[in-house]
Structure formats: C-alpha cells, structure tokens
Amino acid sequence: MKKNILLFLAIILSGCNTTSTERVSDTAPEMTVSTGNNVVSALVAEEASAEVYELISKAKSAVNAGRTANVIETYINPIISDFEKKYKSKYSTMYSPRTAQENMIYTLEGLSINAVEGNTKQITNIYRVPYVFAEAYFLKGYLYVSLGNLDLGEKALEEALLLAPRNSLFLSELGHISQAKQDFDKALTIFEKAVLGANFSPEVQKDFEKGRALRGVGFSLIELNRLDEAEEKFNQALEINPDDAGALHELRYIKSLRDKNT
C-alpha cells in the first residue's frame, strides 16, 4: 500500500508550513467560556524557538532528499524534547491546529469540556501551541512506519493526535498502520474520521487529504467484504480527482472480485 514513500512525504510536507503565533498573556485570552462559577480561557502558548524551526526544516530537507538515516535522532527527538520540557510540563490542555477552522473547533471543544470538568476538578485553561510540535510527532511516526516499526510509529502518531485530533493527515497515517496490522474495523473507523477531518485541512491540501482518506475507507471496506460501500467511496475519490490512480485501480479490483462470483 505504501509506494513511493519519499515522493509522498515531499507532497504532504510541502503543505505543512508552520506559522508564528503571537504570545497572548493570561489577561488577553482568545476566548473564554463560563459555566456557573467556572471561567476557562483559550490562550496562545509561547512561540517555538528559532532552533526548533531550523531542526524541522532540516528534517524535511533530509527526508525529501532521501537521507532518512538518523533523522529521528538528529532532528526530530530534540524538537520533541523541547516540547516536553517547555510545554508539556507546563500546560495540561494543548492543541495544534493548521487552519483557523481547526483552531476554532479545538477551542470550542476544549473550553466546553474544561468548563464542565471544572465542577469536579481544578479548572485549567487551554493553550494553542505551535504546529511544529505536532508535525514533529507525525514525522517521527511516518519515519518509523517507513522503517517497518509499526508499534513505534503508532505511538508517535497517537502523540501527534493528542495535539491535533481532527488532523486528516495524521489520522490517515494511523489508519494505514491499522491496515498493515490487518485490523480493518479499526482502520475503517480511523479513516472515516480522516474524511471528516479533511474539512478542516488547509485549502491547498484539502483534496489530496480527503482523497487519501476516502481510499483508506474504501480499501478497508474491501477487506471487510463490503464491496458496494467500497465502490461508493472510490467513486467519491474520483469526484475529487478523476485521475486518482489508486481509486481507479481499486475499482478495477472490485470488478474482478464480482466477475469471479458470477
């Protein structure tokens, strides 16, 4: 299923541009929610250092050039270490969106949950942290998968999804792991979330990510012997991109399966 790994990674990373966010103090929250006596604020965490952005840039360049050896140890792990020391140890509730729409949904969900939970435990604000950290976990997971270590890849991707649970790119990679492990029910659930998550993807990547998620749903449905539903998903992928080679191939495969049964 995973062909032309480096080309694919070059495509997806080209749209993962990290952007700077201005630090907002506790006295200037982006948004607040009140539930009874509880007041919870959504704040912007401090910006990542220039060194972190330099590391992620070098990691992408190395991978896109085919130099994947030691990328995790040399570039990715130092970014994650910085995150764990400066952010994870400081903020209990964090999220890392790529778009304004994704930012809004995380903010509203986080504020609502924390305001309600504040009735039974200590109230905590939520913080938007730089996307570069979620991206680092994703890249770590992707590289582990490409090296054949599905368990470590899964662990890294789950960390990425803690920061960006609706990120279609992250979800599809996690779904691929479930397919590789032959857990097609789980893969189906994950890819269905990825399809919905693509609605919040950056415009430049929306069609690509939705198409990939739809193919993931379709492939899982084939393995679950739900051919009519699978066919529908691949046709939806073709509505996005009529030249989608993966969708066209799977539709031919579905036809061959039906022909064998006639």
Foldseek 3Di string as FASTA:
>chain_A
DDPPLLVVLLVVVVQQDWDWDDFDDPVGFPDWDADPPFIAGEGADDADDPLLVVLVVVLNVCSNVVNNPCSCVPRLVVNLVCCCVPPVVPAPAEAEADFPVQVVVSQVVVNVVQNVCVVPDPRGYYYYYILSNLVSLQVQLSSCVVVVNLVSSLVSLVVSCSRRVQALVSLLSNLVSCVVVVNLVVSLVSLVSSLVSLVRGPPVCSLVSNLSSLQSNLVSCVSVVNNVVSLVSLVVNCVSPVVPPSSVVVNVVSVVVVVVVD
